[in-house]
Amino acid sequence: MVFQVRDGSVHVLLWRRALEPFAARWSLPGGSLTSAERLGTSLSRHLATKVDLTDIGFLEQLETRSDVDRDPRRRVIATAYLALVSTDVNPTIPADTGWFAVDQLPPTAFDHASIIRSGIDRLRAKLTYTNLAFALVPATFTIAHLRVVYEACLGHPVSPTNLQRVLSRRSIIEPTPMVAPSSSAGGRPATLYRFKEQRLRVTDPFATFRPPGGARE
């Protein structure tokens, strides 16, 4: 599945099935594995072919589903992957494909709604102990932009001051010499930041990013 923060919330990429079972319902992009393919290679091929999406910031295996009755036609074992794309990526998608907020899903096929929930749980968990947000933002960004991404993924408000302080202290982000373009409202231009690494790195848990009023570590 592909996640992207759009309009302040996490969206998932879905395509509408044309054939039974579950005709006209929405499903995660995917397909069969050829005899010469690895799982990750197969996923990249299907995304590139069906939705012209090749600019993936992060990809990892999520889980394998093996329920006997998950497909009414026959026994089908599916391996789900979690893919993240940056907010500045805007792939060309066909008419039968669209982005949907994960908390406002249309009728879905098979067990795909459950898989999406598993993906959100994985994303939220990893944001608390890794630098995974590097895959969700452009190469440079403001703290305000980063805050929107964290709030969308975590599902609760995040203090921009705490966000900057914690990520800087853990040597995850750093300021650049650049500033964002001035807005029509005027004021001091915001500093542009960047992630120090564009690969996954484990950090300490983000206790300060718990929901307001929650227990602190």
N, C-alpha and C. Protein backbone atom coordinates (compact mmCIF):
# COMPACT_ATOMS: atom_id res chain seq x y z
N MET A 1 0.84 -1.18 0.00
CA MET A 1 0.00 0.00 0.00
C MET A 1 0.88 1.23 0.00
N VAL A 2 0.36 2.32 -0.58
CA VAL A 2 1.11 3.57 -0.68
C VAL A 2 0.41 4.63 0.16
N PHE A 3 1.16 5.23 1.08
CA PHE A 3 0.65 6.31 1.92
C PHE A 3 1.31 7.63 1.53
N GLN A 4 0.52 8.68 1.60
CA GLN A 4 1.03 10.04 1.39
C GLN A 4 0.18 11.00 2.22
N VAL A 5 0.83 12.01 2.81
CA VAL A 5 0.08 13.04 3.52
C VAL A 5 -0.40 14.07 2.51
N ARG A 6 -1.71 14.20 2.43
CA ARG A 6 -2.34 15.14 1.49
C ARG A 6 -3.43 15.91 2.23
N ASP A 7 -3.44 17.22 2.05
CA ASP A 7 -4.47 18.06 2.68
C ASP A 7 -4.57 17.82 4.19
N GLY A 8 -3.44 17.59 4.82
CA GLY A 8 -3.42 17.47 6.27
C GLY A 8 -3.84 16.13 6.84
N SER A 9 -3.97 15.10 6.00
CA SER A 9 -4.31 13.77 6.51
C SER A 9 -3.61 12.71 5.67
N VAL A 10 -3.47 11.52 6.26
CA VAL A 10 -2.83 10.42 5.55
C VAL A 10 -3.80 9.84 4.53
N HIS A 11 -3.35 9.72 3.29
CA HIS A 11 -4.16 9.14 2.22
C HIS A 11 -3.50 7.85 1.73
N VAL A 12 -4.33 6.95 1.24
CA VAL A 12 -3.85 5.70 0.67
C VAL A 12 -4.30 5.63 -0.79
N LEU A 13 -3.46 5.06 -1.62
CA LEU A 13 -3.76 4.93 -3.04
C LEU A 13 -4.57 3.65 -3.29
N LEU A 14 -5.74 3.80 -3.91
CA LEU A 14 -6.62 2.66 -4.20
C LEU A 14 -7.06 2.69 -5.66
N TRP A 15 -7.40 1.51 -6.18
CA TRP A 15 -7.96 1.46 -7.53
C TRP A 15 -9.25 0.65 -7.51
N ARG A 16 -10.18 1.03 -8.37
CA ARG A 16 -11.50 0.41 -8.39
C ARG A 16 -11.48 -0.84 -9.26
N ARG A 17 -11.95 -1.95 -8.67
CA ARG A 17 -11.98 -3.21 -9.40
C ARG A 17 -13.08 -3.20 -10.46
N ALA A 18 -12.76 -3.74 -11.62
CA ALA A 18 -13.74 -3.80 -12.71
C ALA A 18 -14.44 -5.15 -12.77
N LEU A 19 -13.83 -6.19 -12.17
CA LEU A 19 -14.36 -7.54 -12.28
C LEU A 19 -14.68 -8.11 -10.91
N GLU A 20 -15.52 -9.14 -10.91
CA GLU A 20 -15.79 -9.88 -9.68
C GLU A 20 -14.58 -10.74 -9.32
N PRO A 21 -14.41 -11.03 -8.05
CA PRO A 21 -15.27 -10.63 -6.93
C PRO A 21 -15.02 -9.18 -6.52
N PHE A 22 -16.00 -8.62 -5.85
CA PHE A 22 -15.93 -7.25 -5.34
C PHE A 22 -15.84 -6.21 -6.46
N ALA A 23 -16.55 -6.45 -7.55
CA ALA A 23 -16.57 -5.48 -8.65
C ALA A 23 -17.06 -4.14 -8.14
N ALA A 24 -16.43 -3.06 -8.59
CA ALA A 24 -16.73 -1.67 -8.25
C ALA A 24 -16.25 -1.28 -6.85
N ARG A 25 -15.70 -2.20 -6.11
CA ARG A 25 -15.10 -1.84 -4.83
C ARG A 25 -13.65 -1.43 -5.04
N TRP A 26 -13.08 -0.79 -4.02
CA TRP A 26 -11.73 -0.26 -4.13
C TRP A 26 -10.74 -1.19 -3.44
N SER A 27 -9.57 -1.35 -4.07
CA SER A 27 -8.57 -2.27 -3.53
C SER A 27 -7.18 -1.65 -3.61
N LEU A 28 -6.28 -2.23 -2.86
CA LEU A 28 -4.89 -1.80 -2.89
C LEU A 28 -4.24 -2.24 -4.20
N PRO A 29 -3.38 -1.42 -4.79
CA PRO A 29 -2.68 -1.85 -6.01
C PRO A 29 -1.83 -3.07 -5.72
N GLY A 30 -1.81 -3.98 -6.66
CA GLY A 30 -1.03 -5.19 -6.47
C GLY A 30 -1.25 -6.13 -7.63
N GLY A 31 -0.74 -7.32 -7.49
CA GLY A 31 -0.88 -8.30 -8.54
C GLY A 31 -0.06 -9.53 -8.24
N SER A 32 -0.02 -10.41 -9.20
CA SER A 32 0.67 -11.68 -9.01
C SER A 32 2.18 -11.53 -9.13
N LEU A 33 2.85 -12.51 -8.61
CA LEU A 33 4.31 -12.57 -8.61
C LEU A 33 4.76 -13.53 -9.71
N THR A 34 5.68 -13.08 -10.57
CA THR A 34 6.18 -13.97 -11.61
C THR A 34 7.22 -14.92 -11.01
N SER A 35 7.53 -15.96 -11.75
CA SER A 35 8.45 -16.99 -11.24
C SER A 35 9.87 -16.47 -11.04
N ALA A 36 10.22 -15.37 -11.71
CA ALA A 36 11.59 -14.86 -11.62
C ALA A 36 11.71 -13.60 -10.76
N GLU A 37 10.62 -13.21 -10.07
CA GLU A 37 10.62 -11.94 -9.34
C GLU A 37 10.76 -12.13 -7.84
N ARG A 38 11.41 -11.13 -7.22
CA ARG A 38 11.34 -10.98 -5.78
C ARG A 38 10.10 -10.18 -5.45
N LEU A 39 9.66 -10.24 -4.18
CA LEU A 39 8.43 -9.55 -3.79
C LEU A 39 8.51 -8.04 -4.01
N GLY A 40 9.61 -7.44 -3.54
CA GLY A 40 9.74 -5.99 -3.69
C GLY A 40 9.79 -5.56 -5.14
N THR A 41 10.45 -6.35 -5.97
CA THR A 41 10.52 -6.05 -7.40
C THR A 41 9.14 -6.11 -8.03
N SER A 42 8.36 -7.10 -7.64
CA SER A 42 7.00 -7.24 -8.17
C SER A 42 6.15 -6.03 -7.80
N LEU A 43 6.24 -5.58 -6.54
CA LEU A 43 5.47 -4.42 -6.11
C LEU A 43 5.85 -3.18 -6.92
N SER A 44 7.14 -2.94 -7.09
CA SER A 44 7.59 -1.77 -7.85
C SER A 44 7.08 -1.83 -9.27
N ARG A 45 7.08 -3.03 -9.86
CA ARG A 45 6.60 -3.17 -11.24
C ARG A 45 5.12 -2.84 -11.33
N HIS A 46 4.32 -3.35 -10.41
CA HIS A 46 2.88 -3.10 -10.46
C HIS A 46 2.56 -1.61 -10.26
N LEU A 47 3.27 -0.96 -9.35
CA LEU A 47 3.03 0.47 -9.13
C LEU A 47 3.43 1.30 -10.34
N ALA A 48 4.56 0.96 -10.94
CA ALA A 48 5.01 1.71 -12.10
C ALA A 48 4.08 1.50 -13.29
N THR A 49 3.55 0.28 -13.43
CA THR A 49 2.69 -0.03 -14.57
C THR A 49 1.29 0.53 -14.41
N LYS A 50 0.73 0.40 -13.22
CA LYS A 50 -0.67 0.77 -13.01
C LYS A 50 -0.88 2.25 -12.72
N VAL A 51 0.05 2.86 -11.99
CA VAL A 51 -0.18 4.25 -11.58
C VAL A 51 1.01 5.16 -11.86
N ASP A 52 2.02 4.68 -12.58
CA ASP A 52 3.18 5.50 -12.94
C ASP A 52 3.86 6.08 -11.70
N LEU A 53 3.97 5.27 -10.66
CA LEU A 53 4.59 5.71 -9.42
C LEU A 53 5.92 5.01 -9.24
N THR A 54 7.00 5.77 -9.36
CA THR A 54 8.34 5.21 -9.20
C THR A 54 9.14 5.92 -8.11
N ASP A 55 8.69 7.10 -7.68
CA ASP A 55 9.42 7.90 -6.70
C ASP A 55 8.96 7.55 -5.29
N ILE A 56 9.38 6.39 -4.80
CA ILE A 56 9.00 5.90 -3.48
C ILE A 56 10.12 6.21 -2.49
N GLY A 57 9.77 6.90 -1.40
CA GLY A 57 10.79 7.29 -0.43
C GLY A 57 11.17 6.20 0.54
N PHE A 58 10.26 5.25 0.78
CA PHE A 58 10.53 4.17 1.72
C PHE A 58 9.63 3.00 1.39
N LEU A 59 10.19 1.79 1.50
CA LEU A 59 9.43 0.57 1.21
C LEU A 59 9.86 -0.52 2.16
N GLU A 60 8.88 -1.18 2.81
CA GLU A 60 9.21 -2.32 3.64
C GLU A 60 8.04 -3.30 3.67
N GLN A 61 8.37 -4.56 3.91
CA GLN A 61 7.33 -5.58 4.02
C GLN A 61 6.54 -5.37 5.31
N LEU A 62 5.22 -5.39 5.19
CA LEU A 62 4.34 -5.15 6.33
C LEU A 62 3.90 -6.45 6.99
N GLU A 63 3.24 -7.31 6.23
CA GLU A 63 2.71 -8.54 6.81
C GLU A 63 2.27 -9.48 5.70
N THR A 64 2.01 -10.71 6.06
CA THR A 64 1.47 -11.71 5.13
C THR A 64 0.11 -12.15 5.62
N ARG A 65 -0.87 -12.15 4.72
CA ARG A 65 -2.23 -12.58 5.06
C ARG A 65 -2.48 -13.95 4.44
N SER A 66 -2.94 -14.90 5.27
CA SER A 66 -3.14 -16.26 4.79
C SER A 66 -4.49 -16.84 5.19
N ASP A 67 -5.45 -15.99 5.58
CA ASP A 67 -6.77 -16.50 5.92
C ASP A 67 -7.34 -17.30 4.75
N VAL A 68 -7.92 -18.44 5.08
CA VAL A 68 -8.39 -19.34 4.03
C VAL A 68 -9.46 -18.70 3.15
N ASP A 69 -10.34 -17.89 3.73
CA ASP A 69 -11.48 -17.35 2.98
C ASP A 69 -11.31 -15.88 2.59
N ARG A 70 -10.08 -15.37 2.55
CA ARG A 70 -9.89 -13.96 2.22
C ARG A 70 -10.23 -13.66 0.75
N ASP A 71 -10.16 -14.67 -0.11
CA ASP A 71 -10.57 -14.54 -1.51
C ASP A 71 -11.61 -15.62 -1.78
N PRO A 72 -12.84 -15.24 -2.19
CA PRO A 72 -13.90 -16.24 -2.38
C PRO A 72 -13.65 -17.20 -3.53
N ARG A 73 -12.69 -16.91 -4.40
CA ARG A 73 -12.46 -17.77 -5.56
C ARG A 73 -11.58 -18.98 -5.23
N ARG A 74 -10.56 -18.73 -4.43
CA ARG A 74 -9.58 -19.79 -4.13
C ARG A 74 -8.69 -19.30 -2.99
N ARG A 75 -7.85 -20.18 -2.51
CA ARG A 75 -6.90 -19.80 -1.46
C ARG A 75 -5.83 -18.90 -2.06
N VAL A 76 -5.72 -17.69 -1.52
CA VAL A 76 -4.72 -16.72 -1.98
C VAL A 76 -3.97 -16.18 -0.78
N ILE A 77 -2.66 -16.35 -0.80
CA ILE A 77 -1.80 -15.80 0.25
C ILE A 77 -1.21 -14.49 -0.28
N ALA A 78 -1.36 -13.42 0.48
CA ALA A 78 -0.91 -12.10 0.03
C ALA A 78 0.12 -11.54 1.00
N THR A 79 1.16 -10.95 0.45
CA THR A 79 2.16 -10.24 1.24
C THR A 79 2.00 -8.75 0.99
N ALA A 80 1.75 -8.00 2.05
CA ALA A 80 1.51 -6.56 1.92
C ALA A 80 2.80 -5.80 2.23
N TYR A 81 3.00 -4.73 1.47
CA TYR A 81 4.14 -3.84 1.67
C TYR A 81 3.64 -2.45 2.03
N LEU A 82 4.44 -1.74 2.80
CA LEU A 82 4.17 -0.35 3.13
C LEU A 82 5.12 0.53 2.34
N ALA A 83 4.56 1.43 1.54
CA ALA A 83 5.35 2.37 0.74
C ALA A 83 4.95 3.78 1.11
N LEU A 84 5.93 4.67 1.23
CA LEU A 84 5.69 6.06 1.58
C LEU A 84 6.22 6.97 0.47
N VAL A 85 5.46 8.02 0.17
CA VAL A 85 5.93 9.01 -0.80
C VAL A 85 5.83 10.40 -0.20
N SER A 86 6.68 11.28 -0.67
CA SER A 86 6.76 12.63 -0.14
C SER A 86 5.55 13.47 -0.56
N THR A 87 5.33 14.53 0.19
CA THR A 87 4.21 15.42 -0.11
C THR A 87 4.37 16.15 -1.43
N ASP A 88 5.59 16.22 -1.97
CA ASP A 88 5.79 16.92 -3.24
C ASP A 88 5.72 15.99 -4.45
N VAL A 89 5.41 14.73 -4.23
CA VAL A 89 5.26 13.77 -5.33
C VAL A 89 3.81 13.79 -5.80
N ASN A 90 3.60 13.93 -7.09
CA ASN A 90 2.24 13.99 -7.65
C ASN A 90 2.17 13.11 -8.90
N PRO A 91 2.08 11.80 -8.72
CA PRO A 91 2.09 10.90 -9.87
C PRO A 91 0.82 11.01 -10.70
N THR A 92 0.96 10.74 -11.97
CA THR A 92 -0.20 10.66 -12.86
C THR A 92 -0.91 9.34 -12.61
N ILE A 93 -2.21 9.41 -12.30
CA ILE A 93 -2.95 8.19 -12.01
C ILE A 93 -4.14 8.08 -12.97
N PRO A 94 -4.52 6.86 -13.33
CA PRO A 94 -5.65 6.68 -14.25
C PRO A 94 -6.99 6.99 -13.58
N ALA A 95 -8.04 7.01 -14.39
CA ALA A 95 -9.37 7.41 -13.90
C ALA A 95 -9.92 6.44 -12.86
N ASP A 96 -9.50 5.18 -12.88
CA ASP A 96 -10.03 4.21 -11.92
C ASP A 96 -9.20 4.13 -10.64
N THR A 97 -8.35 5.11 -10.42
CA THR A 97 -7.45 5.12 -9.26
C THR A 97 -7.59 6.46 -8.55
N GLY A 98 -7.47 6.44 -7.22
CA GLY A 98 -7.58 7.69 -6.47
C GLY A 98 -6.95 7.61 -5.10
N TRP A 99 -6.74 8.79 -4.50
CA TRP A 99 -6.23 8.89 -3.13
C TRP A 99 -7.40 9.05 -2.18
N PHE A 100 -7.40 8.30 -1.08
CA PHE A 100 -8.49 8.35 -0.11
C PHE A 100 -7.90 8.50 1.29
N ALA A 101 -8.52 9.39 2.09
CA ALA A 101 -8.12 9.53 3.48
C ALA A 101 -8.35 8.20 4.20
N VAL A 102 -7.39 7.78 5.01
CA VAL A 102 -7.48 6.46 5.63
C VAL A 102 -8.61 6.37 6.65
N ASP A 103 -9.09 7.51 7.14
CA ASP A 103 -10.22 7.48 8.07
C ASP A 103 -11.56 7.71 7.36
N GLN A 104 -11.54 7.73 6.02
CA GLN A 104 -12.77 7.89 5.24
C GLN A 104 -12.70 6.98 4.01
N LEU A 105 -12.45 5.71 4.24
CA LEU A 105 -12.28 4.77 3.13
C LEU A 105 -13.60 4.47 2.44
N PRO A 106 -13.58 4.28 1.13
CA PRO A 106 -14.77 3.81 0.43
C PRO A 106 -14.93 2.31 0.66
N PRO A 107 -16.01 1.69 0.17
CA PRO A 107 -16.14 0.23 0.30
C PRO A 107 -14.95 -0.47 -0.35
N THR A 108 -14.27 -1.33 0.40
CA THR A 108 -13.05 -1.96 -0.09
C THR A 108 -13.24 -3.44 -0.35
N ALA A 109 -12.33 -3.99 -1.12
CA ALA A 109 -12.38 -5.41 -1.50
C ALA A 109 -11.53 -6.25 -0.55
N PHE A 110 -11.85 -7.54 -0.50
CA PHE A 110 -11.09 -8.51 0.27
C PHE A 110 -10.90 -8.02 1.72
N ASP A 111 -9.70 -8.15 2.25
CA ASP A 111 -9.40 -7.70 3.62
C ASP A 111 -8.55 -6.43 3.60
N HIS A 112 -8.70 -5.63 2.53
CA HIS A 112 -7.79 -4.51 2.34
C HIS A 112 -7.97 -3.40 3.36
N ALA A 113 -9.17 -3.20 3.88
CA ALA A 113 -9.36 -2.19 4.93
C ALA A 113 -8.56 -2.58 6.17
N SER A 114 -8.54 -3.86 6.50
CA SER A 114 -7.79 -4.33 7.65
C SER A 114 -6.29 -4.17 7.43
N ILE A 115 -5.84 -4.42 6.21
CA ILE A 115 -4.42 -4.25 5.89
C ILE A 115 -4.02 -2.78 6.01
N ILE A 116 -4.90 -1.89 5.56
CA ILE A 116 -4.62 -0.45 5.68
C ILE A 116 -4.50 -0.05 7.14
N ARG A 117 -5.36 -0.59 7.99
CA ARG A 117 -5.26 -0.28 9.43
C ARG A 117 -3.93 -0.77 10.00
N SER A 118 -3.49 -1.92 9.55
CA SER A 118 -2.19 -2.43 10.00
C SER A 118 -1.07 -1.51 9.54
N GLY A 119 -1.21 -0.99 8.32
CA GLY A 119 -0.21 -0.07 7.79
C GLY A 119 -0.13 1.22 8.58
N ILE A 120 -1.27 1.76 8.97
CA ILE A 120 -1.30 2.98 9.77
C ILE A 120 -0.68 2.73 11.14
N ASP A 121 -1.00 1.59 11.74
CA ASP A 121 -0.40 1.25 13.04
C ASP A 121 1.12 1.16 12.92
N ARG A 122 1.62 0.56 11.86
CA ARG A 122 3.06 0.45 11.67
C ARG A 122 3.69 1.83 11.47
N LEU A 123 3.04 2.67 10.66
CA LEU A 123 3.57 4.02 10.42
C LEU A 123 3.64 4.82 11.71
N ARG A 124 2.57 4.81 12.49
CA ARG A 124 2.56 5.57 13.74
C ARG A 124 3.62 5.08 14.70
N ALA A 125 3.77 3.77 14.79
CA ALA A 125 4.76 3.22 15.71
C ALA A 125 6.17 3.62 15.28
N LYS A 126 6.48 3.50 14.01
CA LYS A 126 7.84 3.79 13.55
C LYS A 126 8.18 5.26 13.64
N LEU A 127 7.18 6.13 13.51
CA LEU A 127 7.47 7.55 13.66
C LEU A 127 7.90 7.89 15.08
N THR A 128 7.55 7.07 16.06
CA THR A 128 7.91 7.37 17.44
C THR A 128 9.32 6.93 17.80
N TYR A 129 9.93 6.04 17.01
CA TYR A 129 11.27 5.60 17.40
C TYR A 129 12.28 5.58 16.26
N THR A 130 11.91 6.12 15.09
CA THR A 130 12.84 6.20 13.97
C THR A 130 12.76 7.58 13.31
N ASN A 131 13.56 7.78 12.29
CA ASN A 131 13.53 9.02 11.49
C ASN A 131 12.69 8.86 10.23
N LEU A 132 11.70 7.99 10.26
CA LEU A 132 10.95 7.60 9.07
C LEU A 132 10.29 8.77 8.33
N ALA A 133 10.07 9.88 9.01
CA ALA A 133 9.42 11.02 8.35
C ALA A 133 10.22 11.55 7.17
N PHE A 134 11.49 11.17 7.04
CA PHE A 134 12.27 11.64 5.89
C PHE A 134 11.62 11.24 4.57
N ALA A 135 10.85 10.13 4.58
CA ALA A 135 10.22 9.63 3.36
C ALA A 135 8.91 10.34 3.04
N LEU A 136 8.43 11.18 3.95
CA LEU A 136 7.13 11.81 3.80
C LEU A 136 7.20 13.29 3.45
N VAL A 137 8.41 13.87 3.47
CA VAL A 137 8.57 15.29 3.19
C VAL A 137 9.60 15.48 2.09
N PRO A 138 9.61 16.67 1.46
CA PRO A 138 10.64 16.95 0.45
C PRO A 138 12.03 17.01 1.07
N ALA A 139 13.04 17.22 0.23
CA ALA A 139 14.42 17.26 0.70
C ALA A 139 14.63 18.37 1.72
N THR A 140 13.97 19.52 1.52
CA THR A 140 13.99 20.60 2.50
C THR A 140 12.56 20.97 2.86
N PHE A 141 12.38 21.43 4.08
CA PHE A 141 11.02 21.66 4.60
C PHE A 141 11.09 22.62 5.78
N THR A 142 9.99 23.24 6.09
CA THR A 142 9.89 24.06 7.30
C THR A 142 9.40 23.19 8.45
N ILE A 143 9.61 23.66 9.66
CA ILE A 143 9.10 22.95 10.83
C ILE A 143 7.57 22.90 10.77
N ALA A 144 6.94 23.96 10.26
CA ALA A 144 5.48 23.97 10.14
C ALA A 144 5.01 22.85 9.22
N HIS A 145 5.72 22.65 8.12
CA HIS A 145 5.37 21.58 7.18
C HIS A 145 5.55 20.22 7.84
N LEU A 146 6.67 20.05 8.53
CA LEU A 146 6.94 18.78 9.19
C LEU A 146 5.90 18.49 10.27
N ARG A 147 5.47 19.54 10.97
CA ARG A 147 4.46 19.37 12.00
C ARG A 147 3.17 18.82 11.41
N VAL A 148 2.75 19.35 10.26
CA VAL A 148 1.53 18.87 9.61
C VAL A 148 1.63 17.37 9.32
N VAL A 149 2.80 16.94 8.85
CA VAL A 149 3.00 15.52 8.52
C VAL A 149 2.92 14.66 9.79
N TYR A 150 3.58 15.08 10.86
CA TYR A 150 3.53 14.31 12.10
C TYR A 150 2.11 14.26 12.66
N GLU A 151 1.42 15.39 12.66
CA GLU A 151 0.06 15.40 13.20
C GLU A 151 -0.86 14.51 12.37
N ALA A 152 -0.71 14.53 11.05
CA ALA A 152 -1.55 13.70 10.19
C ALA A 152 -1.31 12.21 10.48
N CYS A 153 -0.07 11.83 10.65
CA CYS A 153 0.26 10.42 10.85
C CYS A 153 -0.06 9.94 12.26
N LEU A 154 0.24 10.76 13.26
CA LEU A 154 0.05 10.34 14.64
C LEU A 154 -1.39 10.49 15.10
N GLY A 155 -2.13 11.40 14.47
CA GLY A 155 -3.54 11.55 14.81
C GLY A 155 -3.80 12.40 16.02
N HIS A 156 -2.84 13.22 16.41
CA HIS A 156 -3.04 14.13 17.53
C HIS A 156 -2.13 15.34 17.36
N PRO A 157 -2.44 16.46 18.05
CA PRO A 157 -1.62 17.67 17.91
C PRO A 157 -0.17 17.45 18.35
N VAL A 158 0.73 18.14 17.68
CA VAL A 158 2.15 18.08 18.01
C VAL A 158 2.67 19.51 18.16
N SER A 159 3.37 19.77 19.23
CA SER A 159 3.95 21.10 19.44
C SER A 159 5.12 21.30 18.49
N PRO A 160 5.10 22.38 17.68
CA PRO A 160 6.23 22.61 16.77
C PRO A 160 7.54 22.85 17.51
N THR A 161 7.45 23.49 18.68
CA THR A 161 8.66 23.73 19.47
C THR A 161 9.26 22.42 19.95
N ASN A 162 8.42 21.52 20.47
CA ASN A 162 8.91 20.22 20.92
C ASN A 162 9.43 19.39 19.74
N LEU A 163 8.73 19.46 18.63
CA LEU A 163 9.14 18.70 17.45
C LEU A 163 10.54 19.09 17.02
N GLN A 164 10.77 20.38 16.88
CA GLN A 164 12.09 20.87 16.48
C GLN A 164 13.16 20.51 17.52
N ARG A 165 12.83 20.70 18.78
CA ARG A 165 13.80 20.45 19.84
C ARG A 165 14.19 18.98 19.92
N VAL A 166 13.19 18.10 19.89
CA VAL A 166 13.46 16.66 20.03
C VAL A 166 14.23 16.12 18.83
N LEU A 167 13.79 16.48 17.62
CA LEU A 167 14.46 15.96 16.43
C LEU A 167 15.87 16.51 16.29
N SER A 168 16.05 17.77 16.67
CA SER A 168 17.40 18.37 16.61
C SER A 168 18.31 17.74 17.65
N ARG A 169 17.80 17.54 18.87
CA ARG A 169 18.59 16.96 19.94
C ARG A 169 19.03 15.54 19.59
N ARG A 170 18.21 14.82 18.90
CA ARG A 170 18.55 13.45 18.52
C ARG A 170 19.30 13.38 17.20
N SER A 171 19.71 14.55 16.71
CA SER A 171 20.53 14.64 15.50
C SER A 171 19.86 14.00 14.29
N ILE A 172 18.54 14.22 14.17
CA ILE A 172 17.76 13.69 13.06
C ILE A 172 17.60 14.71 11.95
N ILE A 173 17.34 15.98 12.33
CA ILE A 173 17.21 17.05 11.35
C ILE A 173 18.25 18.13 11.64
N GLU A 174 18.49 18.97 10.65
CA GLU A 174 19.42 20.09 10.80
C GLU A 174 18.96 21.25 9.94
N PRO A 175 19.23 22.49 10.37
CA PRO A 175 18.85 23.64 9.55
C PRO A 175 19.75 23.77 8.34
N THR A 176 19.23 24.32 7.27
CA THR A 176 20.03 24.63 6.09
C THR A 176 20.23 26.14 6.03
N PRO A 177 21.08 26.63 5.14
CA PRO A 177 21.26 28.07 5.00
C PRO A 177 20.08 28.74 4.30
N MET A 178 19.13 27.96 3.82
CA MET A 178 18.04 28.50 3.02
C MET A 178 16.82 28.83 3.88
N VAL A 179 15.98 29.69 3.33
CA VAL A 179 14.71 30.02 3.99
C VAL A 179 13.59 29.83 2.98
N ALA A 180 12.39 29.64 3.50
CA ALA A 180 11.21 29.48 2.65
C ALA A 180 10.82 30.83 2.05
N PRO A 181 10.18 30.83 0.88
CA PRO A 181 9.71 32.09 0.30
C PRO A 181 8.79 32.82 1.25
N SER A 182 8.86 34.13 1.25
CA SER A 182 7.99 34.93 2.12
C SER A 182 6.54 34.79 1.68
N SER A 183 5.65 34.75 2.67
CA SER A 183 4.23 34.66 2.38
C SER A 183 3.65 36.05 2.18
N SER A 184 2.43 36.11 1.70
CA SER A 184 1.75 37.39 1.49
C SER A 184 1.50 38.11 2.80
N ALA A 185 1.49 37.35 3.91
CA ALA A 185 1.25 37.96 5.22
C ALA A 185 2.48 38.65 5.77
N GLY A 186 3.63 38.46 5.10
CA GLY A 186 4.85 39.07 5.57
C GLY A 186 5.46 38.29 6.71
N GLY A 187 6.29 38.94 7.50
CA GLY A 187 6.93 38.27 8.61
C GLY A 187 8.28 37.69 8.22
N ARG A 188 8.97 37.17 9.20
CA ARG A 188 10.30 36.62 8.98
C ARG A 188 10.21 35.30 8.23
N PRO A 189 10.98 35.13 7.14
CA PRO A 189 10.94 33.85 6.41
C PRO A 189 11.38 32.69 7.29
N ALA A 190 10.71 31.55 7.12
CA ALA A 190 11.00 30.37 7.94
C ALA A 190 12.25 29.66 7.44
N THR A 191 13.04 29.16 8.37
CA THR A 191 14.23 28.39 8.02
C THR A 191 13.83 27.05 7.41
N LEU A 192 14.57 26.63 6.41
CA LEU A 192 14.36 25.32 5.81
C LEU A 192 15.28 24.31 6.48
N TYR A 193 14.72 23.17 6.83
CA TYR A 193 15.47 22.09 7.45
C TYR A 193 15.60 20.92 6.49
N ARG A 194 16.43 19.96 6.87
CA ARG A 194 16.55 18.71 6.11
C ARG A 194 16.85 17.58 7.08
N PHE A 195 16.53 16.35 6.67
CA PHE A 195 16.91 15.19 7.45
C PHE A 195 18.38 14.87 7.18
N LYS A 196 19.10 14.52 8.23
CA LYS A 196 20.52 14.22 8.07
C LYS A 196 20.75 12.95 7.27
N GLU A 197 19.81 12.02 7.35
CA GLU A 197 19.95 10.76 6.63
C GLU A 197 18.68 10.47 5.86
N GLN A 198 18.81 9.94 4.67
CA GLN A 198 17.68 9.54 3.85
C GLN A 198 17.53 8.02 3.85
N ARG A 199 17.81 7.44 4.97
CA ARG A 199 17.60 5.99 5.16
C ARG A 199 17.14 5.79 6.60
N LEU A 200 16.49 4.68 6.84
CA LEU A 200 15.88 4.45 8.14
C LEU A 200 16.93 4.29 9.23
N ARG A 201 16.70 5.01 10.33
CA ARG A 201 17.58 4.91 11.49
C ARG A 201 16.73 4.89 12.76
N VAL A 202 17.03 3.97 13.65
CA VAL A 202 16.29 3.87 14.91
C VAL A 202 16.80 4.93 15.88
N THR A 203 15.85 5.60 16.57
CA THR A 203 16.18 6.61 17.58
C THR A 203 15.44 6.27 18.87
N ASP A 204 15.51 7.17 19.83
CA ASP A 204 14.77 6.98 21.08
C ASP A 204 13.29 7.23 20.87
N PRO A 205 12.43 6.63 21.71
CA PRO A 205 10.99 6.89 21.62
C PRO A 205 10.69 8.37 21.81
N PHE A 206 9.70 8.87 21.07
CA PHE A 206 9.31 10.28 21.16
C PHE A 206 8.24 10.45 22.24
N ALA A 207 8.64 10.42 23.50
CA ALA A 207 7.67 10.55 24.58
C ALA A 207 6.91 11.86 24.51
N THR A 208 7.56 12.93 24.02
CA THR A 208 6.92 14.25 23.98
C THR A 208 5.88 14.35 22.87
N PHE A 209 5.80 13.35 22.01
CA PHE A 209 4.82 13.38 20.92
C PHE A 209 3.57 12.59 21.26
N ARG A 210 3.41 12.21 22.53
CA ARG A 210 2.18 11.54 22.92
C ARG A 210 1.02 12.51 22.86
N PRO A 211 -0.22 12.01 22.77
CA PRO A 211 -1.39 12.90 22.75
C PRO A 211 -1.38 13.81 23.97
N PRO A 212 -1.90 15.04 23.84
CA PRO A 212 -1.95 15.95 24.99
C PRO A 212 -2.65 15.30 26.17
N GLY A 213 -2.05 15.43 27.35
CA GLY A 213 -2.63 14.83 28.54
C GLY A 213 -2.21 13.41 28.79
N GLY A 214 -1.48 12.79 27.81
CA GLY A 214 -1.05 11.41 27.99
C GLY A 214 0.13 11.31 28.93
N ALA A 215 0.42 10.11 29.36
CA ALA A 215 1.54 9.89 30.27
C ALA A 215 2.85 10.14 29.56
N ARG A 216 3.82 10.66 30.26
CA ARG A 216 5.14 10.90 29.72
C ARG A 216 6.09 9.82 30.20
N GLU A 217 7.07 9.49 29.31
CA GLU A 217 8.05 8.48 29.71
C GLU A 217 9.12 9.11 30.61
